[in-house]
Amino acid sequence: MEITPRKLNTFTMLKLPSAWLCGVRVRHLDAESCIVTVRHRWINQNPFNSMFWAVQGMAAELSTGALVMAAIRKSGKRISMLVANNNASFTKKARGRITFTCNGGKLIGNALQRTVETGEGQTFRMRSVGKDEQGDIVSVFNFEWTVKVK
């Protein structure tokens, strides 16, 4: 079964309700990229009238994690995935609709192939860039994902 934005949004509602309530939604997913949006609202604000950093983190992580989930599903293997490390930088207040884009889908295939061949865990890094409606970068998140055959 193919992973689609609609299925991921339903998954978010059922398994990640805090992300769903905060408005995190997958808009696009293919083998190479994922786009996730979230709008600054009362429920996800901080005291400085912008989006709370953790909400941005949920959207950014989903943009990378959805690509990993889709690649694992496509492989047909039982492979676990986990964020081992992450960091972020913030350059502007996040207001309005913020769009997080990850274009790192090509990185995943090699790691999945190596973990299947060797049985050892593999690590790779993916980046998600958050931009506001004017196209200005508001935050950049880097995630270190690990995958391992179950």
C-alpha atoms as a PDB file:
ATOM      1  CA  MET A   1       0.000   0.000   0.000  1.00  0.00           C
ATOM      2  CA  GLU A   2       1.411   3.377  -1.036  1.00  0.00           C
ATOM      3  CA  ILE A   3       1.872   6.134   1.532  1.00  0.00           C
ATOM      4  CA  THR A   4       0.032   9.302   0.476  1.00  0.00           C
ATOM      5  CA  PRO A   5      -0.392  12.747   2.049  1.00  0.00           C
ATOM      6  CA  ARG A   6      -3.993  11.892   2.935  1.00  0.00           C
ATOM      7  CA  LYS A   7      -2.964   8.654   4.680  1.00  0.00           C
ATOM      8  CA  LEU A   8      -0.194  10.469   6.551  1.00  0.00           C
ATOM      9  CA  ASN A   9      -2.623  13.154   7.722  1.00  0.00           C
ATOM     10  CA  THR A  10      -5.015  10.462   8.993  1.00  0.00           C
ATOM     11  CA  PHE A  11      -2.059   8.752  10.711  1.00  0.00           C
ATOM     12  CA  THR A  12      -1.164  12.087  12.325  1.00  0.00           C
ATOM     13  CA  MET A  13      -4.713  12.537  13.605  1.00  0.00           C
ATOM     14  CA  LEU A  14      -4.781   9.044  15.131  1.00  0.00           C
ATOM     15  CA  LYS A  15      -1.175   8.570  16.329  1.00  0.00           C
ATOM     16  CA  LEU A  16       0.227  12.112  16.716  1.00  0.00           C
ATOM     17  CA  PRO A  17      -2.754  14.111  17.969  1.00  0.00           C
ATOM     18  CA  SER A  18      -0.692  17.048  19.235  1.00  0.00           C
ATOM     19  CA  ALA A  19       0.692  17.606  15.723  1.00  0.00           C
ATOM     20  CA  TRP A  20      -2.803  17.274  14.250  1.00  0.00           C
ATOM     21  CA  LEU A  21      -4.332  19.746  16.727  1.00  0.00           C
ATOM     22  CA  CYS A  22      -1.536  22.224  16.041  1.00  0.00           C
ATOM     23  CA  GLY A  23      -2.349  22.092  12.317  1.00  0.00           C
ATOM     24  CA  VAL A  24       0.593  20.109  10.934  1.00  0.00           C
ATOM     25  CA  ARG A  25      -0.442  18.739   7.497  1.00  0.00           C
ATOM     26  CA  VAL A  26       1.385  16.872   4.721  1.00  0.00           C
ATOM     27  CA  ARG A  27       0.749  18.562   1.370  1.00  0.00           C
ATOM     28  CA  HIS A  28       3.054  16.656  -1.004  1.00  0.00           C
ATOM     29  CA  LEU A  29       5.027  13.427  -0.954  1.00  0.00           C
ATOM     30  CA  ASP A  30       7.021  11.674  -3.650  1.00  0.00           C
ATOM     31  CA  ALA A  31      10.221   9.614  -3.650  1.00  0.00           C
ATOM     32  CA  GLU A  32      12.472  12.677  -3.469  1.00  0.00           C
ATOM     33  CA  SER A  33      10.618  15.358  -1.510  1.00  0.00           C
ATOM     34  CA  CYS A  34       8.000  16.030   1.110  1.00  0.00           C
ATOM     35  CA  ILE A  35       6.194  19.276   1.890  1.00  0.00           C
ATOM     36  CA  VAL A  36       4.482  19.856   5.238  1.00  0.00           C
ATOM     37  CA  THR A  37       2.642  23.030   6.253  1.00  0.00           C
ATOM     38  CA  VAL A  38       1.467  24.526   9.515  1.00  0.00           C
ATOM     39  CA  ARG A  39      -0.266  27.848  10.142  1.00  0.00           C
ATOM     40  CA  HIS A  40       0.492  30.080  13.120  1.00  0.00           C
ATOM     41  CA  ARG A  41      -2.614  30.010  15.316  1.00  0.00           C
ATOM     42  CA  TRP A  42      -3.539  30.520  18.943  1.00  0.00           C
ATOM     43  CA  ILE A  43      -2.998  26.834  19.814  1.00  0.00           C
ATOM     44  CA  ASN A  44       0.593  26.739  18.532  1.00  0.00           C
ATOM     45  CA  GLN A  45       1.848  30.178  19.518  1.00  0.00           C
ATOM     46  CA  ASN A  46       4.526  31.219  21.966  1.00  0.00           C
ATOM     47  CA  PRO A  47       4.431  34.316  24.207  1.00  0.00           C
ATOM     48  CA  PHE A  48       6.216  36.340  21.489  1.00  0.00           C
ATOM     49  CA  ASN A  49       3.324  36.157  18.996  1.00  0.00           C
ATOM     50  CA  SER A  50       4.954  33.611  16.697  1.00  0.00           C
ATOM     51  CA  MET A  51       4.887  29.844  16.283  1.00  0.00           C
ATOM     52  CA  PHE A  52       6.357  27.788  19.119  1.00  0.00           C
ATOM     53  CA  TRP A  53       9.637  26.158  18.090  1.00  0.00           C
ATOM     54  CA  ALA A  54       8.413  22.657  18.969  1.00  0.00           C
ATOM     55  CA  VAL A  55       5.506  22.938  16.517  1.00  0.00           C
ATOM     56  CA  GLN A  56       7.974  23.883  13.816  1.00  0.00           C
ATOM     57  CA  GLY A  57       9.999  20.846  14.865  1.00  0.00           C
ATOM     58  CA  MET A  58       7.000  18.526  14.504  1.00  0.00           C
ATOM     59  CA  ALA A  59       6.360  19.765  10.967  1.00  0.00           C
ATOM     60  CA  ALA A  60      10.042  19.597  10.025  1.00  0.00           C
ATOM     61  CA  GLU A  61      10.476  16.091  11.437  1.00  0.00           C
ATOM     62  CA  LEU A  62       7.373  14.872   9.607  1.00  0.00           C
ATOM     63  CA  SER A  63       8.743  16.211   6.317  1.00  0.00           C
ATOM     64  CA  THR A  64      11.846  14.050   6.740  1.00  0.00           C
ATOM     65  CA  GLY A  65      10.209  11.098   8.472  1.00  0.00           C
ATOM     66  CA  ALA A  66       7.496  10.700   5.840  1.00  0.00           C
ATOM     67  CA  LEU A  67      10.200  10.173   3.225  1.00  0.00           C
ATOM     68  CA  VAL A  68      11.865   7.528   5.410  1.00  0.00           C
ATOM     69  CA  MET A  69       8.524   5.784   6.063  1.00  0.00           C
ATOM     70  CA  ALA A  70       7.677   5.747   2.353  1.00  0.00           C
ATOM     71  CA  ALA A  71      11.092   4.345   1.402  1.00  0.00           C
ATOM     72  CA  ILE A  72      10.837   1.611   4.046  1.00  0.00           C
ATOM     73  CA  ARG A  73       7.343   0.702   2.858  1.00  0.00           C
ATOM     74  CA  LYS A  74       8.547   0.552  -0.748  1.00  0.00           C
ATOM     75  CA  SER A  75      11.471  -1.720   0.222  1.00  0.00           C
ATOM     76  CA  GLY A  76       9.109  -4.365   1.577  1.00  0.00           C
ATOM     77  CA  LYS A  77      11.502  -5.067   4.472  1.00  0.00           C
ATOM     78  CA  ARG A  78      10.884  -4.793   8.208  1.00  0.00           C
ATOM     79  CA  ILE A  79      13.100  -1.862   9.128  1.00  0.00           C
ATOM     80  CA  SER A  80      12.948   0.325  12.223  1.00  0.00           C
ATOM     81  CA  MET A  81      13.612   4.058  12.116  1.00  0.00           C
ATOM     82  CA  LEU A  82      14.557   6.520  14.849  1.00  0.00           C
ATOM     83  CA  VAL A  83      15.791  10.080  15.160  1.00  0.00           C
ATOM     84  CA  ALA A  84      19.197   9.839  16.835  1.00  0.00           C
ATOM     85  CA  ASN A  85      20.003  13.548  16.861  1.00  0.00           C
ATOM     86  CA  ASN A  86      18.692  16.872  15.651  1.00  0.00           C
ATOM     87  CA  ASN A  87      19.480  20.570  15.672  1.00  0.00           C
ATOM     88  CA  ALA A  88      17.787  23.688  14.415  1.00  0.00           C
ATOM     89  CA  SER A  89      18.408  27.329  13.695  1.00  0.00           C
ATOM     90  CA  PHE A  90      15.805  30.079  13.686  1.00  0.00           C
ATOM     91  CA  THR A  91      16.224  33.213  11.599  1.00  0.00           C
ATOM     92  CA  LYS A  92      12.843  34.949  11.690  1.00  0.00           C
ATOM     93  CA  LYS A  93       9.571  34.843  13.654  1.00  0.00           C
ATOM     94  CA  ALA A  94       7.282  32.185  12.247  1.00  0.00           C
ATOM     95  CA  ARG A  95       3.949  33.820  11.443  1.00  0.00           C
ATOM     96  CA  GLY A  96       1.277  32.879   8.931  1.00  0.00           C
ATOM     97  CA  ARG A  97       1.586  29.616   6.986  1.00  0.00           C
ATOM     98  CA  ILE A  98       5.012  28.005   7.286  1.00  0.00           C
ATOM     99  CA  THR A  99       6.029  25.438   4.676  1.00  0.00           C
ATOM    100  CA  PHE A 100       8.674  22.851   5.525  1.00  0.00           C
ATOM    101  CA  THR A 101      10.357  21.167   2.589  1.00  0.00           C
ATOM    102  CA  CYS A 102      12.727  18.210   2.626  1.00  0.00           C
ATOM    103  CA  ASN A 103      14.382  17.233  -0.647  1.00  0.00           C
ATOM    104  CA  GLY A 104      16.528  14.437   0.792  1.00  0.00           C
ATOM    105  CA  GLY A 105      14.711  11.381  -0.515  1.00  0.00           C
ATOM    106  CA  LYS A 106      17.735  10.178  -2.487  1.00  0.00           C
ATOM    107  CA  LEU A 107      19.764   9.746   0.715  1.00  0.00           C
ATOM    108  CA  ILE A 108      17.510   7.056   2.125  1.00  0.00           C
ATOM    109  CA  GLY A 109      17.900   4.285  -0.454  1.00  0.00           C
ATOM    110  CA  ASN A 110      21.608   3.710   0.151  1.00  0.00           C
ATOM    111  CA  ALA A 111      21.150   3.500   3.922  1.00  0.00           C
ATOM    112  CA  LEU A 112      18.256   1.048   3.584  1.00  0.00           C
ATOM    113  CA  GLN A 113      20.244  -1.105   1.158  1.00  0.00           C
ATOM    114  CA  ARG A 114      23.287  -1.168   3.481  1.00  0.00           C
ATOM    115  CA  THR A 115      21.235  -2.077   6.564  1.00  0.00           C
ATOM    116  CA  VAL A 116      19.519  -4.932   4.684  1.00  0.00           C
ATOM    117  CA  GLU A 117      22.831  -6.237   3.328  1.00  0.00           C
ATOM    118  CA  THR A 118      24.831  -5.975   6.562  1.00  0.00           C
ATOM    119  CA  GLY A 119      22.166  -6.220   9.263  1.00  0.00           C
ATOM    120  CA  GLU A 120      23.833  -3.260  10.960  1.00  0.00           C
ATOM    121  CA  GLY A 121      22.200   0.064  11.725  1.00  0.00           C
ATOM    122  CA  GLN A 122      22.847   2.918   9.317  1.00  0.00           C
ATOM    123  CA  THR A 123      22.764   6.651   9.923  1.00  0.00           C
ATOM    124  CA  PHE A 124      22.017   9.486   7.527  1.00  0.00           C
ATOM    125  CA  ARG A 125      21.160  13.170   7.816  1.00  0.00           C
ATOM    126  CA  MET A 126      18.213  15.012   6.355  1.00  0.00           C
ATOM    127  CA  ARG A 127      17.408  18.720   6.287  1.00  0.00           C
ATOM    128  CA  SER A 128      14.042  20.482   6.350  1.00  0.00           C
ATOM    129  CA  VAL A 129      13.771  24.179   5.554  1.00  0.00           C
ATOM    130  CA  GLY A 130      10.814  26.209   6.826  1.00  0.00           C
ATOM    131  CA  LYS A 131       9.714  29.238   4.819  1.00  0.00           C
ATOM    132  CA  ASP A 132       6.961  31.764   5.418  1.00  0.00           C
ATOM    133  CA  GLU A 133       4.430  32.996   2.859  1.00  0.00           C
ATOM    134  CA  GLN A 134       6.881  35.612   1.588  1.00  0.00           C
ATOM    135  CA  GLY A 135       9.473  32.904   0.882  1.00  0.00           C
ATOM    136  CA  ASP A 136      11.765  33.943   3.738  1.00  0.00           C
ATOM    137  CA  ILE A 137      13.487  31.163   5.682  1.00  0.00           C
ATOM    138  CA  VAL A 138      12.249  31.104   9.274  1.00  0.00           C
ATOM    139  CA  SER A 139      13.969  27.912  10.450  1.00  0.00           C
ATOM    140  CA  VAL A 140      16.201  25.067   9.327  1.00  0.00           C
ATOM    141  CA  PHE A 141      16.092  21.662  11.009  1.00  0.00           C
ATOM    142  CA  ASN A 142      18.667  18.886  10.614  1.00  0.00           C
ATOM    143  CA  PHE A 143      17.727  15.350  11.614  1.00  0.00           C
ATOM    144  CA  GLU A 144      20.038  12.379  11.989  1.00  0.00           C
ATOM    145  CA  TRP A 145      17.982   9.271  11.221  1.00  0.00           C
ATOM    146  CA  THR A 146      19.029   5.714  12.019  1.00  0.00           C
ATOM    147  CA  VAL A 147      17.582   2.653  10.310  1.00  0.00           C
ATOM    148  CA  LYS A 148      18.052  -0.998  11.165  1.00  0.00           C
ATOM    149  CA  VAL A 149      16.557  -4.298  10.029  1.00  0.00           C
ATOM    150  CA  LYS A 150      14.196  -5.661  12.689  1.00  0.00           C
END
